[in-house]
Amino acid sequence: MDKLKQLRPFLHRDHAEIAAILKITNKIKAEESFAQPQCSDSNNKRTGQRSFGESSNINSWFRR
């Protein structure tokens, strides 16, 4: 029990540090996800059109 009492402050401090790190990372993720949707939607539409155009070009190549 003595060793557990000695280690308890360190365990508690590590837990608090981990919680602080998680708060920071969650805040960063929230900011990134808040900033991205408009860009990612337009990029997905563009790449979708490009990939569809490429596949139709490949199909026309095989039809020749």
PDB file of N, CA and C in Angstrom:
ATOM      1  N   MET A   1       0.823  -1.207   0.000  1.00  0.00           N
ATOM      2  CA  MET A   1       0.000   0.000   0.000  1.00  0.00           C
ATOM      3  C   MET A   1       0.859   1.260   0.000  1.00  0.00           C
ATOM      4  N   ASP A   2       2.031   1.196   0.635  1.00  0.00           N
ATOM      5  CA  ASP A   2       2.894   2.382   0.696  1.00  0.00           C
ATOM      6  C   ASP A   2       3.353   2.783  -0.713  1.00  0.00           C
ATOM      7  N   LYS A   3       3.718   1.781  -1.497  1.00  0.00           N
ATOM      8  CA  LYS A   3       4.184   2.100  -2.850  1.00  0.00           C
ATOM      9  C   LYS A   3       3.052   2.719  -3.667  1.00  0.00           C
ATOM     10  N   LEU A   4       1.856   2.206  -3.484  1.00  0.00           N
ATOM     11  CA  LEU A   4       0.723   2.771  -4.214  1.00  0.00           C
ATOM     12  C   LEU A   4       0.499   4.226  -3.807  1.00  0.00           C
ATOM     13  N   LYS A   5       0.616   4.512  -2.517  1.00  0.00           N
ATOM     14  CA  LYS A   5       0.455   5.890  -2.057  1.00  0.00           C
ATOM     15  C   LYS A   5       1.554   6.780  -2.612  1.00  0.00           C
ATOM     16  N   GLN A   6       2.763   6.229  -2.763  1.00  0.00           N
ATOM     17  CA  GLN A   6       3.864   7.018  -3.325  1.00  0.00           C
ATOM     18  C   GLN A   6       3.633   7.289  -4.814  1.00  0.00           C
ATOM     19  N   LEU A   7       3.099   6.323  -5.509  1.00  0.00           N
ATOM     20  CA  LEU A   7       2.915   6.469  -6.957  1.00  0.00           C
ATOM     21  C   LEU A   7       1.672   7.279  -7.309  1.00  0.00           C
ATOM     22  N   ARG A   8       0.712   7.352  -6.403  1.00  0.00           N
ATOM     23  CA  ARG A   8      -0.571   7.996  -6.727  1.00  0.00           C
ATOM     24  C   ARG A   8      -0.410   9.415  -7.281  1.00  0.00           C
ATOM     25  N   PRO A   9       0.392  10.314  -6.674  1.00  0.00           N
ATOM     26  CA  PRO A   9       0.513  11.666  -7.249  1.00  0.00           C
ATOM     27  C   PRO A   9       1.014  11.639  -8.690  1.00  0.00           C
ATOM     28  N   PHE A  10       1.948  10.731  -8.989  1.00  0.00           N
ATOM     29  CA  PHE A  10       2.481  10.657 -10.350  1.00  0.00           C
ATOM     30  C   PHE A  10       1.411  10.156 -11.314  1.00  0.00           C
ATOM     31  N   LEU A  11       0.670   9.153 -10.899  1.00  0.00           N
ATOM     32  CA  LEU A  11      -0.394   8.636 -11.757  1.00  0.00           C
ATOM     33  C   LEU A  11      -1.437   9.715 -12.016  1.00  0.00           C
ATOM     34  N   HIS A  12      -1.788  10.439 -10.961  1.00  0.00           N
ATOM     35  CA  HIS A  12      -2.789  11.499 -11.122  1.00  0.00           C
ATOM     36  C   HIS A  12      -2.269  12.597 -12.052  1.00  0.00           C
ATOM     37  N   ARG A  13      -0.997  12.949 -11.907  1.00  0.00           N
ATOM     38  CA  ARG A  13      -0.433  13.995 -12.748  1.00  0.00           C
ATOM     39  C   ARG A  13      -0.409  13.535 -14.209  1.00  0.00           C
ATOM     40  N   ASP A  14       0.010  12.288 -14.436  1.00  0.00           N
ATOM     41  CA  ASP A  14       0.028  11.787 -15.811  1.00  0.00           C
ATOM     42  C   ASP A  14      -1.380  11.798 -16.411  1.00  0.00           C
ATOM     43  N   HIS A  15      -2.351  11.415 -15.605  1.00  0.00           N
ATOM     44  CA  HIS A  15      -3.733  11.417 -16.093  1.00  0.00           C
ATOM     45  C   HIS A  15      -4.166  12.836 -16.466  1.00  0.00           C
ATOM     46  N   ALA A  16      -3.784  13.807 -15.637  1.00  0.00           N
ATOM     47  CA  ALA A  16      -4.147  15.197 -15.940  1.00  0.00           C
ATOM     48  C   ALA A  16      -3.444  15.666 -17.212  1.00  0.00           C
ATOM     49  N   GLU A  17      -2.181  15.269 -17.388  1.00  0.00           N
ATOM     50  CA  GLU A  17      -1.457  15.660 -18.607  1.00  0.00           C
ATOM     51  C   GLU A  17      -2.096  15.032 -19.830  1.00  0.00           C
ATOM     52  N   ILE A  18      -2.470  13.756 -19.713  1.00  0.00           N
ATOM     53  CA  ILE A  18      -3.117  13.082 -20.845  1.00  0.00           C
ATOM     54  C   ILE A  18      -4.439  13.765 -21.177  1.00  0.00           C
ATOM     55  N   ALA A  19      -5.191  14.121 -20.143  1.00  0.00           N
ATOM     56  CA  ALA A  19      -6.468  14.801 -20.376  1.00  0.00           C
ATOM     57  C   ALA A  19      -6.245  16.144 -21.069  1.00  0.00           C
ATOM     58  N   ALA A  20      -5.204  16.872 -20.651  1.00  0.00           N
ATOM     59  CA  ALA A  20      -4.917  18.163 -21.280  1.00  0.00           C
ATOM     60  C   ALA A  20      -4.523  17.968 -22.742  1.00  0.00           C
ATOM     61  N   ILE A  21      -3.709  16.955 -23.014  1.00  0.00           N
ATOM     62  CA  ILE A  21      -3.289  16.686 -24.392  1.00  0.00           C
ATOM     63  C   ILE A  21      -4.505  16.321 -25.242  1.00  0.00           C
ATOM     64  N   LEU A  22      -5.386  15.493 -24.697  1.00  0.00           N
ATOM     65  CA  LEU A  22      -6.583  15.119 -25.453  1.00  0.00           C
ATOM     66  C   LEU A  22      -7.468  16.328 -25.722  1.00  0.00           C
ATOM     67  N   LYS A  23      -7.591  17.224 -24.746  1.00  0.00           N
ATOM     68  CA  LYS A  23      -8.387  18.434 -24.970  1.00  0.00           C
ATOM     69  C   LYS A  23      -7.811  19.242 -26.116  1.00  0.00           C
ATOM     70  N   ILE A  24      -6.476  19.394 -26.128  1.00  0.00           N
ATOM     71  CA  ILE A  24      -5.825  20.191 -27.180  1.00  0.00           C
ATOM     72  C   ILE A  24      -6.023  19.525 -28.536  1.00  0.00           C
ATOM     73  N   THR A  25      -5.795  18.206 -28.603  1.00  0.00           N
ATOM     74  CA  THR A  25      -5.931  17.524 -29.891  1.00  0.00           C
ATOM     75  C   THR A  25      -7.377  17.543 -30.378  1.00  0.00           C
ATOM     76  N   ASN A  26      -8.330  17.383 -29.447  1.00  0.00           N
ATOM     77  CA  ASN A  26      -9.737  17.449 -29.859  1.00  0.00           C
ATOM     78  C   ASN A  26     -10.087  18.837 -30.364  1.00  0.00           C
ATOM     79  N   LYS A  27      -9.525  19.869 -29.724  1.00  0.00           N
ATOM     80  CA  LYS A  27      -9.795  21.232 -30.169  1.00  0.00           C
ATOM     81  C   LYS A  27      -9.222  21.452 -31.568  1.00  0.00           C
ATOM     82  N   ILE A  28      -8.013  20.939 -31.803  1.00  0.00           N
ATOM     83  CA  ILE A  28      -7.393  21.085 -33.127  1.00  0.00           C
ATOM     84  C   ILE A  28      -8.227  20.342 -34.169  1.00  0.00           C
ATOM     85  N   LYS A  29      -8.643  19.116 -33.855  1.00  0.00           N
ATOM     86  CA  LYS A  29      -9.455  18.344 -34.796  1.00  0.00           C
ATOM     87  C   LYS A  29     -10.768  19.067 -35.101  1.00  0.00           C
ATOM     88  N   ALA A  30     -11.376  19.646 -34.061  1.00  0.00           N
ATOM     89  CA  ALA A  30     -12.638  20.360 -34.275  1.00  0.00           C
ATOM     90  C   ALA A  30     -12.426  21.562 -35.184  1.00  0.00           C
ATOM     91  N   GLU A  31     -11.326  22.290 -34.972  1.00  0.00           N
ATOM     92  CA  GLU A  31     -11.047  23.450 -35.820  1.00  0.00           C
ATOM     93  C   GLU A  31     -10.780  23.017 -37.253  1.00  0.00           C
ATOM     94  N   GLU A  32     -10.028  21.910 -37.433  1.00  0.00           N
ATOM     95  CA  GLU A  32      -9.745  21.437 -38.791  1.00  0.00           C
ATOM     96  C   GLU A  32     -11.027  20.983 -39.481  1.00  0.00           C
ATOM     97  N   SER A  33     -11.849  20.216 -38.777  1.00  0.00           N
ATOM     98  CA  SER A  33     -13.077  19.729 -39.402  1.00  0.00           C
ATOM     99  C   SER A  33     -14.041  20.889 -39.672  1.00  0.00           C
ATOM    100  N   PHE A  34     -13.976  21.933 -38.848  1.00  0.00           N
ATOM    101  CA  PHE A  34     -14.828  23.095 -39.095  1.00  0.00           C
ATOM    102  C   PHE A  34     -14.334  23.875 -40.303  1.00  0.00           C
ATOM    103  N   ALA A  35     -13.030  23.892 -40.522  1.00  0.00           N
ATOM    104  CA  ALA A  35     -12.469  24.675 -41.624  1.00  0.00           C
ATOM    105  C   ALA A  35     -12.539  23.915 -42.942  1.00  0.00           C
ATOM    106  N   GLN A  36     -12.608  22.594 -42.918  1.00  0.00           N
ATOM    107  CA  GLN A  36     -12.453  21.810 -44.138  1.00  0.00           C
ATOM    108  C   GLN A  36     -13.717  21.562 -44.965  1.00  0.00           C
ATOM    109  N   PRO A  37     -14.913  21.413 -44.384  1.00  0.00           N
ATOM    110  CA  PRO A  37     -16.005  20.839 -45.184  1.00  0.00           C
ATOM    111  C   PRO A  37     -16.241  21.501 -46.535  1.00  0.00           C
ATOM    112  N   GLN A  38     -16.192  22.841 -46.599  1.00  0.00           N
ATOM    113  CA  GLN A  38     -16.465  23.496 -47.873  1.00  0.00           C
ATOM    114  C   GLN A  38     -15.423  23.086 -48.913  1.00  0.00           C
ATOM    115  N   CYS A  39     -14.159  23.074 -48.516  1.00  0.00           N
ATOM    116  CA  CYS A  39     -13.096  22.726 -49.461  1.00  0.00           C
ATOM    117  C   CYS A  39     -13.207  21.261 -49.860  1.00  0.00           C
ATOM    118  N   SER A  40     -13.397  20.372 -48.888  1.00  0.00           N
ATOM    119  CA  SER A  40     -13.400  18.948 -49.203  1.00  0.00           C
ATOM    120  C   SER A  40     -14.588  18.596 -50.093  1.00  0.00           C
ATOM    121  N   ASP A  41     -15.746  19.261 -49.897  1.00  0.00           N
ATOM    122  CA  ASP A  41     -16.887  18.973 -50.747  1.00  0.00           C
ATOM    123  C   ASP A  41     -16.592  19.351 -52.198  1.00  0.00           C
ATOM    124  N   SER A  42     -16.037  20.539 -52.409  1.00  0.00           N
ATOM    125  CA  SER A  42     -15.758  20.955 -53.781  1.00  0.00           C
ATOM    126  C   SER A  42     -14.669  20.076 -54.389  1.00  0.00           C
ATOM    127  N   ASN A  43     -13.680  19.677 -53.594  1.00  0.00           N
ATOM    128  CA  ASN A  43     -12.633  18.808 -54.114  1.00  0.00           C
ATOM    129  C   ASN A  43     -13.194  17.438 -54.469  1.00  0.00           C
ATOM    130  N   ASN A  44     -14.096  16.910 -53.638  1.00  0.00           N
ATOM    131  CA  ASN A  44     -14.681  15.609 -53.937  1.00  0.00           C
ATOM    132  C   ASN A  44     -15.490  15.671 -55.222  1.00  0.00           C
ATOM    133  N   LYS A  45     -16.233  16.751 -55.422  1.00  0.00           N
ATOM    134  CA  LYS A  45     -17.012  16.873 -56.645  1.00  0.00           C
ATOM    135  C   LYS A  45     -16.079  16.952 -57.853  1.00  0.00           C
ATOM    136  N   ARG A  46     -15.011  17.737 -57.719  1.00  0.00           N
ATOM    137  CA  ARG A  46     -14.079  17.869 -58.839  1.00  0.00           C
ATOM    138  C   ARG A  46     -13.417  16.540 -59.159  1.00  0.00           C
ATOM    139  N   THR A  47     -12.880  15.866 -58.128  1.00  0.00           N
ATOM    140  CA  THR A  47     -12.194  14.603 -58.394  1.00  0.00           C
ATOM    141  C   THR A  47     -13.182  13.573 -58.913  1.00  0.00           C
ATOM    142  N   GLY A  48     -14.437  13.610 -58.430  1.00  0.00           N
ATOM    143  CA  GLY A  48     -15.433  12.675 -58.936  1.00  0.00           C
ATOM    144  C   GLY A  48     -15.678  12.897 -60.413  1.00  0.00           C
ATOM    145  N   GLN A  49     -15.770  14.157 -60.839  1.00  0.00           N
ATOM    146  CA  GLN A  49     -15.969  14.433 -62.256  1.00  0.00           C
ATOM    147  C   GLN A  49     -14.747  14.002 -63.065  1.00  0.00           C
ATOM    148  N   ARG A  50     -13.565  14.281 -62.518  1.00  0.00           N
ATOM    149  CA  ARG A  50     -12.353  13.891 -63.234  1.00  0.00           C
ATOM    150  C   ARG A  50     -12.280  12.377 -63.399  1.00  0.00           C
ATOM    151  N   SER A  51     -12.520  11.646 -62.303  1.00  0.00           N
ATOM    152  CA  SER A  51     -12.391  10.199 -62.391  1.00  0.00           C
ATOM    153  C   SER A  51     -13.455   9.629 -63.337  1.00  0.00           C
ATOM    154  N   PHE A  52     -14.653  10.232 -63.340  1.00  0.00           N
ATOM    155  CA  PHE A  52     -15.690   9.767 -64.257  1.00  0.00           C
ATOM    156  C   PHE A  52     -15.269  10.053 -65.698  1.00  0.00           C
ATOM    157  N   GLY A  53     -14.697  11.226 -65.932  1.00  0.00           N
ATOM    158  CA  GLY A  53     -14.243  11.557 -67.278  1.00  0.00           C
ATOM    159  C   GLY A  53     -13.131  10.636 -67.737  1.00  0.00           C
ATOM    160  N   GLU A  54     -12.204  10.325 -66.839  1.00  0.00           N
ATOM    161  CA  GLU A  54     -11.125   9.426 -67.204  1.00  0.00           C
ATOM    162  C   GLU A  54     -11.665   8.044 -67.530  1.00  0.00           C
ATOM    163  N   SER A  55     -12.611   7.552 -66.716  1.00  0.00           N
ATOM    164  CA  SER A  55     -13.135   6.209 -66.967  1.00  0.00           C
ATOM    165  C   SER A  55     -13.889   6.181 -68.298  1.00  0.00           C
ATOM    166  N   SER A  56     -14.600   7.270 -68.634  1.00  0.00           N
ATOM    167  CA  SER A  56     -15.315   7.269 -69.909  1.00  0.00           C
ATOM    168  C   SER A  56     -14.310   7.332 -71.063  1.00  0.00           C
ATOM    169  N   ASN A  57     -13.192   8.036 -70.872  1.00  0.00           N
ATOM    170  CA  ASN A  57     -12.160   8.048 -71.902  1.00  0.00           C
ATOM    171  C   ASN A  57     -11.558   6.664 -72.087  1.00  0.00           C
ATOM    172  N   ILE A  58     -11.347   5.954 -70.981  1.00  0.00           N
ATOM    173  CA  ILE A  58     -10.798   4.597 -71.080  1.00  0.00           C
ATOM    174  C   ILE A  58     -11.787   3.696 -71.803  1.00  0.00           C
ATOM    175  N   ASN A  59     -13.083   3.838 -71.478  1.00  0.00           N
ATOM    176  CA  ASN A  59     -14.083   3.012 -72.154  1.00  0.00           C
ATOM    177  C   ASN A  59     -14.103   3.300 -73.648  1.00  0.00           C
ATOM    178  N   SER A  60     -14.019   4.580 -74.028  1.00  0.00           N
ATOM    179  CA  SER A  60     -14.025   4.896 -75.453  1.00  0.00           C
ATOM    180  C   SER A  60     -12.755   4.369 -76.114  1.00  0.00           C
ATOM    181  N   TRP A  61     -11.655   4.300 -75.383  1.00  0.00           N
ATOM    182  CA  TRP A  61     -10.413   3.763 -75.939  1.00  0.00           C
ATOM    183  C   TRP A  61     -10.591   2.286 -76.252  1.00  0.00           C
ATOM    184  N   PHE A  62     -11.268   1.543 -75.358  1.00  0.00           N
ATOM    185  CA  PHE A  62     -11.448   0.111 -75.601  1.00  0.00           C
ATOM    186  C   PHE A  62     -12.496  -0.135 -76.680  1.00  0.00           C
ATOM    187  N   ARG A  63     -13.422   0.797 -76.864  1.00  0.00           N
ATOM    188  CA  ARG A  63     -14.419   0.607 -77.914  1.00  0.00           C
ATOM    189  C   ARG A  63     -13.794   0.719 -79.292  1.00  0.00           C
ATOM    190  N   ARG A  64     -12.700   1.501 -79.398  1.00  0.00           N
ATOM    191  CA  ARG A  64     -12.036   1.618 -80.697  1.00  0.00           C
ATOM    192  C   ARG A  64     -11.442   0.283 -81.044  1.00  0.00           C
TER     193      ARG A  64
END
